[in-house]
């Protein structure tokens, strides 16, 4: 985990309901997603019902945290002033081994060097004492 930033000025996730539960796992250094205990289908964004079988039975299952770049966009102009010092950066959709796709960022590489299906792994960035964000880096 990185050093906590005392004055983190970027938007933070809403820490309520299922969304809050997802980020509580991130605070513990674990990437977990909902998995239906009826049909086994993984899902993200957290939702009370399985879109595959309509079951309300699910668990928070641990992800491997490994995946590949599905697609990405390089941001050169920050539309939110809080991100101005980060440009250019890559906003990416990561396809995890479990089949889930999630939006995150890729660090540890120049954004122009990112490739389609590049293998990545999760790392956890503690941005405040309450919030840890899952980010990705090349393997």
N, C-alpha and C. Protein backbone atom coordinates (compact mmCIF):
# COMPACT_ATOMS: atom_id res chain seq x y z
N UNK A 1 0.84 -1.18 0.00
CA UNK A 1 0.00 0.00 0.00
C UNK A 1 0.88 1.24 0.00
N UNK A 2 0.35 2.28 -0.56
CA UNK A 2 1.10 3.53 -0.60
C UNK A 2 0.85 4.32 0.68
N UNK A 3 1.60 5.38 0.82
CA UNK A 3 1.44 6.25 1.97
C UNK A 3 0.11 6.98 1.87
N UNK A 4 -0.58 7.07 2.98
CA UNK A 4 -1.84 7.79 3.01
C UNK A 4 -1.60 9.27 2.76
N UNK A 5 -2.47 9.88 1.98
CA UNK A 5 -2.35 11.30 1.69
C UNK A 5 -3.27 12.07 2.64
N UNK A 6 -2.69 13.01 3.34
CA UNK A 6 -3.45 13.76 4.35
C UNK A 6 -4.57 14.59 3.72
N UNK A 7 -4.31 15.18 2.58
CA UNK A 7 -5.30 16.05 1.95
C UNK A 7 -5.67 15.55 0.57
N UNK A 8 -6.19 14.37 0.48
CA UNK A 8 -6.60 13.80 -0.80
C UNK A 8 -7.78 14.60 -1.33
N UNK A 9 -7.59 15.26 -2.48
CA UNK A 9 -8.59 16.20 -2.99
C UNK A 9 -9.43 15.64 -4.13
N UNK A 10 -9.19 14.39 -4.52
CA UNK A 10 -9.94 13.81 -5.64
C UNK A 10 -11.25 13.23 -5.13
N UNK A 11 -12.21 13.04 -6.05
CA UNK A 11 -13.49 12.44 -5.62
C UNK A 11 -13.26 11.06 -5.01
N UNK A 12 -14.04 10.76 -3.99
CA UNK A 12 -13.96 9.47 -3.30
C UNK A 12 -15.24 8.68 -3.52
N UNK A 13 -15.16 7.35 -3.44
CA UNK A 13 -16.37 6.55 -3.60
C UNK A 13 -17.33 6.77 -2.44
N UNK A 14 -18.59 6.54 -2.68
CA UNK A 14 -19.60 6.59 -1.64
C UNK A 14 -19.49 5.29 -0.85
N UNK A 15 -19.25 5.42 0.43
CA UNK A 15 -18.99 4.26 1.28
C UNK A 15 -20.27 3.78 1.97
N UNK A 16 -21.29 3.50 1.19
CA UNK A 16 -22.57 3.04 1.72
C UNK A 16 -23.01 1.79 1.00
N UNK A 17 -23.83 0.99 1.65
CA UNK A 17 -24.43 -0.18 1.03
C UNK A 17 -23.40 -1.16 0.47
N UNK A 18 -23.76 -1.81 -0.62
CA UNK A 18 -22.88 -2.80 -1.24
C UNK A 18 -21.59 -2.17 -1.74
N UNK A 19 -21.68 -0.93 -2.21
CA UNK A 19 -20.48 -0.22 -2.66
C UNK A 19 -19.50 -0.06 -1.49
N UNK A 20 -20.02 0.32 -0.34
CA UNK A 20 -19.19 0.45 0.86
C UNK A 20 -18.56 -0.88 1.25
N UNK A 21 -19.32 -1.97 1.13
CA UNK A 21 -18.78 -3.29 1.45
C UNK A 21 -17.62 -3.65 0.52
N UNK A 22 -17.75 -3.35 -0.78
CA UNK A 22 -16.66 -3.60 -1.73
C UNK A 22 -15.39 -2.88 -1.28
N UNK A 23 -15.52 -1.61 -0.92
CA UNK A 23 -14.33 -0.84 -0.53
C UNK A 23 -13.82 -1.22 0.86
N UNK A 24 -14.67 -1.78 1.71
CA UNK A 24 -14.17 -2.30 2.99
C UNK A 24 -13.19 -3.45 2.74
N UNK A 25 -13.50 -4.31 1.76
CA UNK A 25 -12.56 -5.39 1.41
C UNK A 25 -11.26 -4.81 0.87
N UNK A 26 -11.36 -3.77 0.04
CA UNK A 26 -10.15 -3.13 -0.49
C UNK A 26 -9.30 -2.58 0.65
N UNK A 27 -9.95 -2.00 1.68
CA UNK A 27 -9.22 -1.49 2.84
C UNK A 27 -8.44 -2.59 3.54
N UNK A 28 -8.91 -3.83 3.42
CA UNK A 28 -8.23 -4.98 4.02
C UNK A 28 -7.18 -5.58 3.08
N UNK A 29 -7.00 -4.96 1.90
CA UNK A 29 -6.03 -5.47 0.93
C UNK A 29 -6.53 -6.67 0.15
N UNK A 30 -7.84 -6.77 0.00
CA UNK A 30 -8.43 -7.89 -0.73
C UNK A 30 -9.37 -7.36 -1.80
N UNK A 31 -9.22 -7.89 -3.01
CA UNK A 31 -10.14 -7.57 -4.09
C UNK A 31 -11.19 -8.67 -4.11
N UNK A 32 -12.40 -8.31 -3.73
CA UNK A 32 -13.50 -9.28 -3.68
C UNK A 32 -14.67 -8.74 -4.49
N UNK A 33 -15.36 -9.70 -5.11
CA UNK A 33 -16.54 -9.38 -5.90
C UNK A 33 -17.67 -10.30 -5.47
N UNK A 34 -18.86 -9.93 -5.82
CA UNK A 34 -19.99 -10.80 -5.55
C UNK A 34 -19.95 -12.00 -6.49
N UNK A 35 -20.26 -13.16 -5.93
CA UNK A 35 -20.41 -14.37 -6.73
C UNK A 35 -21.71 -15.04 -6.30
N UNK A 36 -22.54 -15.34 -7.26
CA UNK A 36 -23.82 -15.99 -6.98
C UNK A 36 -23.55 -17.38 -6.43
N UNK A 37 -24.16 -17.71 -5.30
CA UNK A 37 -23.97 -19.04 -4.72
C UNK A 37 -24.94 -20.05 -5.33
N UNK A 38 -25.83 -19.58 -6.19
CA UNK A 38 -26.76 -20.48 -6.89
C UNK A 38 -26.16 -20.97 -8.21
N UNK A 39 -25.64 -20.04 -9.03
CA UNK A 39 -25.12 -20.44 -10.35
C UNK A 39 -23.62 -20.22 -10.51
N UNK A 40 -22.98 -19.55 -9.55
CA UNK A 40 -21.54 -19.33 -9.60
C UNK A 40 -21.08 -18.14 -10.42
N UNK A 41 -21.99 -17.37 -10.98
CA UNK A 41 -21.64 -16.22 -11.82
C UNK A 41 -21.08 -15.09 -10.95
N UNK A 42 -19.94 -14.51 -11.38
CA UNK A 42 -19.34 -13.35 -10.71
C UNK A 42 -20.02 -12.10 -11.23
N UNK A 43 -20.02 -11.04 -10.39
CA UNK A 43 -20.58 -9.78 -10.87
C UNK A 43 -19.92 -8.57 -10.20
N UNK A 44 -19.90 -7.53 -10.96
CA UNK A 44 -19.46 -6.22 -10.52
C UNK A 44 -20.07 -5.25 -11.51
N UNK A 45 -20.71 -4.36 -11.10
CA UNK A 45 -20.92 -3.54 -9.93
C UNK A 45 -21.80 -4.33 -8.96
N UNK A 46 -21.57 -4.18 -7.63
CA UNK A 46 -22.37 -4.92 -6.65
C UNK A 46 -23.87 -4.68 -6.84
N UNK A 47 -24.63 -5.77 -6.76
CA UNK A 47 -26.06 -5.72 -6.98
C UNK A 47 -26.70 -6.84 -6.17
N UNK A 48 -27.91 -6.64 -5.64
CA UNK A 48 -28.48 -7.67 -4.78
C UNK A 48 -28.91 -8.95 -5.50
N UNK A 49 -29.18 -8.88 -6.81
CA UNK A 49 -29.72 -10.04 -7.52
C UNK A 49 -28.82 -10.43 -8.69
N UNK A 50 -28.69 -11.72 -8.92
CA UNK A 50 -27.90 -12.24 -10.03
C UNK A 50 -28.63 -12.01 -11.35
N UNK A 51 -27.96 -11.40 -12.30
CA UNK A 51 -28.55 -11.16 -13.62
C UNK A 51 -28.63 -12.44 -14.44
N UNK A 52 -27.88 -13.45 -14.04
CA UNK A 52 -27.85 -14.71 -14.79
C UNK A 52 -29.01 -15.63 -14.40
N UNK A 53 -29.27 -15.78 -13.08
CA UNK A 53 -30.29 -16.74 -12.64
C UNK A 53 -31.37 -16.12 -11.74
N UNK A 54 -31.26 -14.83 -11.48
CA UNK A 54 -32.22 -14.08 -10.65
C UNK A 54 -32.21 -14.46 -9.17
N UNK A 55 -31.18 -15.12 -8.74
CA UNK A 55 -31.06 -15.50 -7.33
C UNK A 55 -30.62 -14.30 -6.50
N UNK A 56 -31.07 -14.27 -5.25
CA UNK A 56 -30.62 -13.27 -4.30
C UNK A 56 -29.55 -13.83 -3.37
N UNK A 57 -29.06 -15.03 -3.66
CA UNK A 57 -28.05 -15.69 -2.83
C UNK A 57 -26.66 -15.45 -3.42
N UNK A 58 -25.81 -14.84 -2.62
CA UNK A 58 -24.47 -14.52 -3.10
C UNK A 58 -23.50 -14.42 -1.94
N UNK A 59 -22.21 -14.34 -2.29
CA UNK A 59 -21.14 -14.18 -1.31
C UNK A 59 -20.11 -13.20 -1.87
N UNK A 60 -19.29 -12.64 -0.98
CA UNK A 60 -18.13 -11.86 -1.40
C UNK A 60 -16.99 -12.85 -1.59
N UNK A 61 -16.60 -13.11 -2.83
CA UNK A 61 -15.55 -14.08 -3.13
C UNK A 61 -14.27 -13.36 -3.54
N UNK A 62 -13.15 -13.89 -3.09
CA UNK A 62 -11.86 -13.25 -3.35
C UNK A 62 -11.43 -13.47 -4.80
N UNK A 63 -11.02 -12.39 -5.43
CA UNK A 63 -10.50 -12.42 -6.80
C UNK A 63 -9.00 -12.69 -6.76
N UNK A 64 -8.50 -13.25 -7.84
CA UNK A 64 -7.04 -13.44 -7.95
C UNK A 64 -6.33 -12.10 -8.05
N UNK A 65 -7.05 -11.07 -8.52
CA UNK A 65 -6.43 -9.76 -8.73
C UNK A 65 -5.61 -9.67 -10.00
N UNK A 66 -5.64 -10.74 -10.80
CA UNK A 66 -4.90 -10.76 -12.06
C UNK A 66 -5.87 -10.65 -13.23
N UNK A 67 -5.42 -9.97 -14.26
CA UNK A 67 -6.25 -9.82 -15.43
C UNK A 67 -5.46 -9.28 -16.59
N UNK A 68 -6.18 -8.69 -17.53
CA UNK A 68 -5.55 -8.10 -18.71
C UNK A 68 -6.28 -6.83 -19.10
N UNK A 69 -5.59 -5.99 -19.81
CA UNK A 69 -6.18 -4.74 -20.28
C UNK A 69 -7.18 -5.09 -21.38
N UNK A 70 -8.42 -4.70 -21.17
CA UNK A 70 -9.47 -4.92 -22.16
C UNK A 70 -9.52 -3.74 -23.13
N UNK A 71 -9.49 -2.54 -22.58
CA UNK A 71 -9.41 -1.31 -23.38
C UNK A 71 -8.96 -0.19 -22.46
N UNK A 72 -8.54 0.92 -23.03
CA UNK A 72 -8.07 2.04 -22.23
C UNK A 72 -8.15 3.33 -23.03
N UNK A 73 -8.03 4.42 -22.30
CA UNK A 73 -8.02 5.74 -22.90
C UNK A 73 -6.97 6.56 -22.16
N UNK A 74 -6.18 7.29 -22.89
CA UNK A 74 -5.19 8.14 -22.26
C UNK A 74 -5.79 9.53 -22.08
N UNK A 75 -5.77 9.99 -20.84
CA UNK A 75 -6.35 11.29 -20.50
C UNK A 75 -5.22 12.33 -20.53
N UNK A 76 -5.33 13.27 -21.44
CA UNK A 76 -4.33 14.34 -21.56
C UNK A 76 -4.81 15.64 -20.93
N UNK A 77 -6.13 15.82 -20.87
CA UNK A 77 -6.69 17.03 -20.29
C UNK A 77 -7.66 16.63 -19.18
N UNK A 78 -7.36 17.01 -17.97
CA UNK A 78 -8.21 16.66 -16.84
C UNK A 78 -9.44 17.56 -16.84
N UNK A 79 -10.60 16.94 -16.79
CA UNK A 79 -11.84 17.72 -16.73
C UNK A 79 -12.19 18.10 -15.30
N UNK A 80 -11.63 17.38 -14.35
CA UNK A 80 -11.76 17.73 -12.94
C UNK A 80 -10.40 18.28 -12.51
N UNK A 81 -10.33 19.51 -12.01
CA UNK A 81 -9.05 20.12 -11.65
C UNK A 81 -8.21 19.29 -10.68
N UNK A 82 -8.83 18.44 -9.89
CA UNK A 82 -8.08 17.62 -8.93
C UNK A 82 -7.14 16.63 -9.62
N UNK A 83 -7.40 16.32 -10.89
CA UNK A 83 -6.59 15.36 -11.63
C UNK A 83 -5.56 16.03 -12.54
N UNK A 84 -5.50 17.36 -12.55
CA UNK A 84 -4.62 18.09 -13.46
C UNK A 84 -3.16 17.68 -13.33
N UNK A 85 -2.69 17.41 -12.12
CA UNK A 85 -1.30 17.04 -11.92
C UNK A 85 -0.98 15.61 -12.32
N UNK A 86 -2.00 14.82 -12.65
CA UNK A 86 -1.79 13.41 -13.01
C UNK A 86 -1.67 13.18 -14.51
N UNK A 87 -2.02 14.15 -15.32
CA UNK A 87 -2.02 13.92 -16.76
C UNK A 87 -0.60 13.85 -17.32
N UNK A 88 -0.39 13.03 -18.35
CA UNK A 88 -1.34 12.07 -18.89
C UNK A 88 -1.42 10.82 -18.03
N UNK A 89 -2.60 10.23 -17.98
CA UNK A 89 -2.78 8.97 -17.26
C UNK A 89 -3.75 8.10 -18.03
N UNK A 90 -3.76 6.82 -17.72
CA UNK A 90 -4.61 5.88 -18.43
C UNK A 90 -5.80 5.48 -17.56
N UNK A 91 -6.99 5.66 -18.10
CA UNK A 91 -8.21 5.10 -17.52
C UNK A 91 -8.47 3.83 -18.31
N UNK A 92 -8.63 2.72 -17.61
CA UNK A 92 -8.69 1.44 -18.30
C UNK A 92 -9.85 0.58 -17.81
N UNK A 93 -10.26 -0.32 -18.68
CA UNK A 93 -11.16 -1.39 -18.29
C UNK A 93 -10.29 -2.64 -18.22
N UNK A 94 -10.27 -3.25 -17.05
CA UNK A 94 -9.48 -4.45 -16.80
C UNK A 94 -10.43 -5.64 -16.81
N UNK A 95 -10.08 -6.67 -17.57
CA UNK A 95 -10.84 -7.92 -17.54
C UNK A 95 -10.09 -8.89 -16.64
N UNK A 96 -10.70 -9.19 -15.50
CA UNK A 96 -10.07 -10.07 -14.52
C UNK A 96 -10.25 -11.54 -14.91
N UNK A 97 -9.41 -12.39 -14.33
CA UNK A 97 -9.47 -13.83 -14.62
C UNK A 97 -10.85 -14.41 -14.38
N UNK A 98 -11.60 -13.84 -13.44
CA UNK A 98 -12.93 -14.34 -13.11
C UNK A 98 -13.99 -13.93 -14.14
N UNK A 99 -13.60 -13.11 -15.13
CA UNK A 99 -14.53 -12.68 -16.16
C UNK A 99 -15.16 -11.33 -15.90
N UNK A 100 -14.88 -10.74 -14.76
CA UNK A 100 -15.40 -9.43 -14.41
C UNK A 100 -14.59 -8.36 -15.12
N UNK A 101 -15.25 -7.32 -15.55
CA UNK A 101 -14.55 -6.15 -16.09
C UNK A 101 -14.80 -4.99 -15.14
N UNK A 102 -13.73 -4.26 -14.84
CA UNK A 102 -13.88 -3.11 -13.95
C UNK A 102 -13.03 -1.95 -14.45
N UNK A 103 -13.47 -0.75 -14.16
CA UNK A 103 -12.74 0.46 -14.52
C UNK A 103 -11.74 0.76 -13.42
N UNK A 104 -10.52 1.08 -13.81
CA UNK A 104 -9.49 1.44 -12.86
C UNK A 104 -8.42 2.24 -13.59
N UNK A 105 -7.28 2.35 -12.95
CA UNK A 105 -6.14 3.03 -13.59
C UNK A 105 -4.97 2.06 -13.65
N UNK A 106 -4.05 2.36 -14.55
CA UNK A 106 -2.84 1.55 -14.69
C UNK A 106 -1.66 2.43 -14.34
N UNK A 107 -0.83 1.96 -13.43
CA UNK A 107 0.34 2.72 -13.01
C UNK A 107 1.59 1.89 -13.26
N UNK A 108 2.74 2.53 -13.10
CA UNK A 108 4.00 1.82 -13.27
C UNK A 108 4.43 1.66 -14.71
N UNK A 109 3.78 2.37 -15.62
CA UNK A 109 4.11 2.29 -17.04
C UNK A 109 3.68 3.60 -17.69
N UNK A 110 4.44 4.03 -18.68
CA UNK A 110 4.04 5.20 -19.46
C UNK A 110 2.73 4.84 -20.17
N UNK A 111 1.71 5.69 -20.11
CA UNK A 111 0.42 5.34 -20.72
C UNK A 111 0.52 4.99 -22.21
N UNK A 112 1.49 5.55 -22.91
CA UNK A 112 1.62 5.26 -24.34
C UNK A 112 2.18 3.86 -24.60
N UNK A 113 2.66 3.18 -23.56
CA UNK A 113 3.22 1.84 -23.71
C UNK A 113 2.22 0.73 -23.37
N UNK A 114 1.02 1.09 -22.97
CA UNK A 114 -0.01 0.10 -22.65
C UNK A 114 -0.42 -0.61 -23.94
N UNK A 115 -0.61 -1.91 -23.83
CA UNK A 115 -1.00 -2.73 -24.98
C UNK A 115 -2.29 -3.49 -24.68
N UNK A 116 -3.03 -3.81 -25.72
CA UNK A 116 -4.22 -4.63 -25.60
C UNK A 116 -3.84 -5.99 -25.02
N UNK A 117 -4.62 -6.46 -24.06
CA UNK A 117 -4.44 -7.75 -23.39
C UNK A 117 -3.14 -7.84 -22.58
N UNK A 118 -2.55 -6.69 -22.26
CA UNK A 118 -1.36 -6.67 -21.42
C UNK A 118 -1.73 -7.22 -20.03
N UNK A 119 -0.95 -8.18 -19.51
CA UNK A 119 -1.26 -8.71 -18.18
C UNK A 119 -1.01 -7.67 -17.09
N UNK A 120 -1.94 -7.61 -16.16
CA UNK A 120 -1.85 -6.67 -15.04
C UNK A 120 -2.26 -7.37 -13.75
N UNK A 121 -1.88 -6.74 -12.62
CA UNK A 121 -2.29 -7.24 -11.31
C UNK A 121 -2.70 -6.06 -10.45
N UNK A 122 -3.56 -6.35 -9.49
CA UNK A 122 -4.06 -5.30 -8.61
C UNK A 122 -3.00 -4.90 -7.58
N UNK A 123 -3.04 -3.66 -7.19
CA UNK A 123 -2.33 -3.17 -6.00
C UNK A 123 -3.28 -2.19 -5.33
N UNK A 124 -3.08 -1.95 -4.05
CA UNK A 124 -4.03 -1.15 -3.29
C UNK A 124 -3.41 0.16 -2.86
N UNK A 125 -4.09 1.23 -3.18
CA UNK A 125 -3.63 2.59 -2.92
C UNK A 125 -4.49 3.19 -1.80
N UNK A 126 -3.94 3.26 -0.59
CA UNK A 126 -4.68 3.84 0.53
C UNK A 126 -4.59 5.36 0.40
N UNK A 127 -5.69 5.97 -0.02
CA UNK A 127 -5.69 7.41 -0.28
C UNK A 127 -6.16 8.23 0.92
N UNK A 128 -6.92 7.61 1.80
CA UNK A 128 -7.31 8.21 3.07
C UNK A 128 -7.34 7.07 4.10
N UNK A 129 -7.45 7.38 5.36
CA UNK A 129 -7.54 6.29 6.34
C UNK A 129 -8.75 5.37 6.12
N UNK A 130 -9.80 5.89 5.50
CA UNK A 130 -11.03 5.11 5.28
C UNK A 130 -11.13 4.49 3.89
N UNK A 131 -10.37 5.00 2.91
CA UNK A 131 -10.56 4.58 1.52
C UNK A 131 -9.26 4.07 0.92
N UNK A 132 -9.34 2.85 0.39
CA UNK A 132 -8.25 2.24 -0.37
C UNK A 132 -8.79 1.90 -1.76
N UNK A 133 -8.12 2.39 -2.78
CA UNK A 133 -8.58 2.18 -4.15
C UNK A 133 -7.80 1.04 -4.81
N UNK A 134 -8.51 0.15 -5.53
CA UNK A 134 -7.80 -0.87 -6.29
C UNK A 134 -7.28 -0.26 -7.59
N UNK A 135 -6.00 -0.42 -7.83
CA UNK A 135 -5.39 0.06 -9.08
C UNK A 135 -4.61 -1.12 -9.67
N UNK A 136 -4.14 -0.95 -10.90
CA UNK A 136 -3.46 -2.05 -11.57
C UNK A 136 -2.10 -1.61 -12.10
N UNK A 137 -1.21 -2.60 -12.22
CA UNK A 137 0.12 -2.37 -12.78
C UNK A 137 0.48 -3.58 -13.64
N UNK A 138 1.41 -3.38 -14.58
CA UNK A 138 1.82 -4.50 -15.43
C UNK A 138 2.49 -5.60 -14.60
N UNK A 139 2.31 -6.84 -15.05
CA UNK A 139 2.94 -7.97 -14.39
C UNK A 139 4.30 -8.21 -15.04
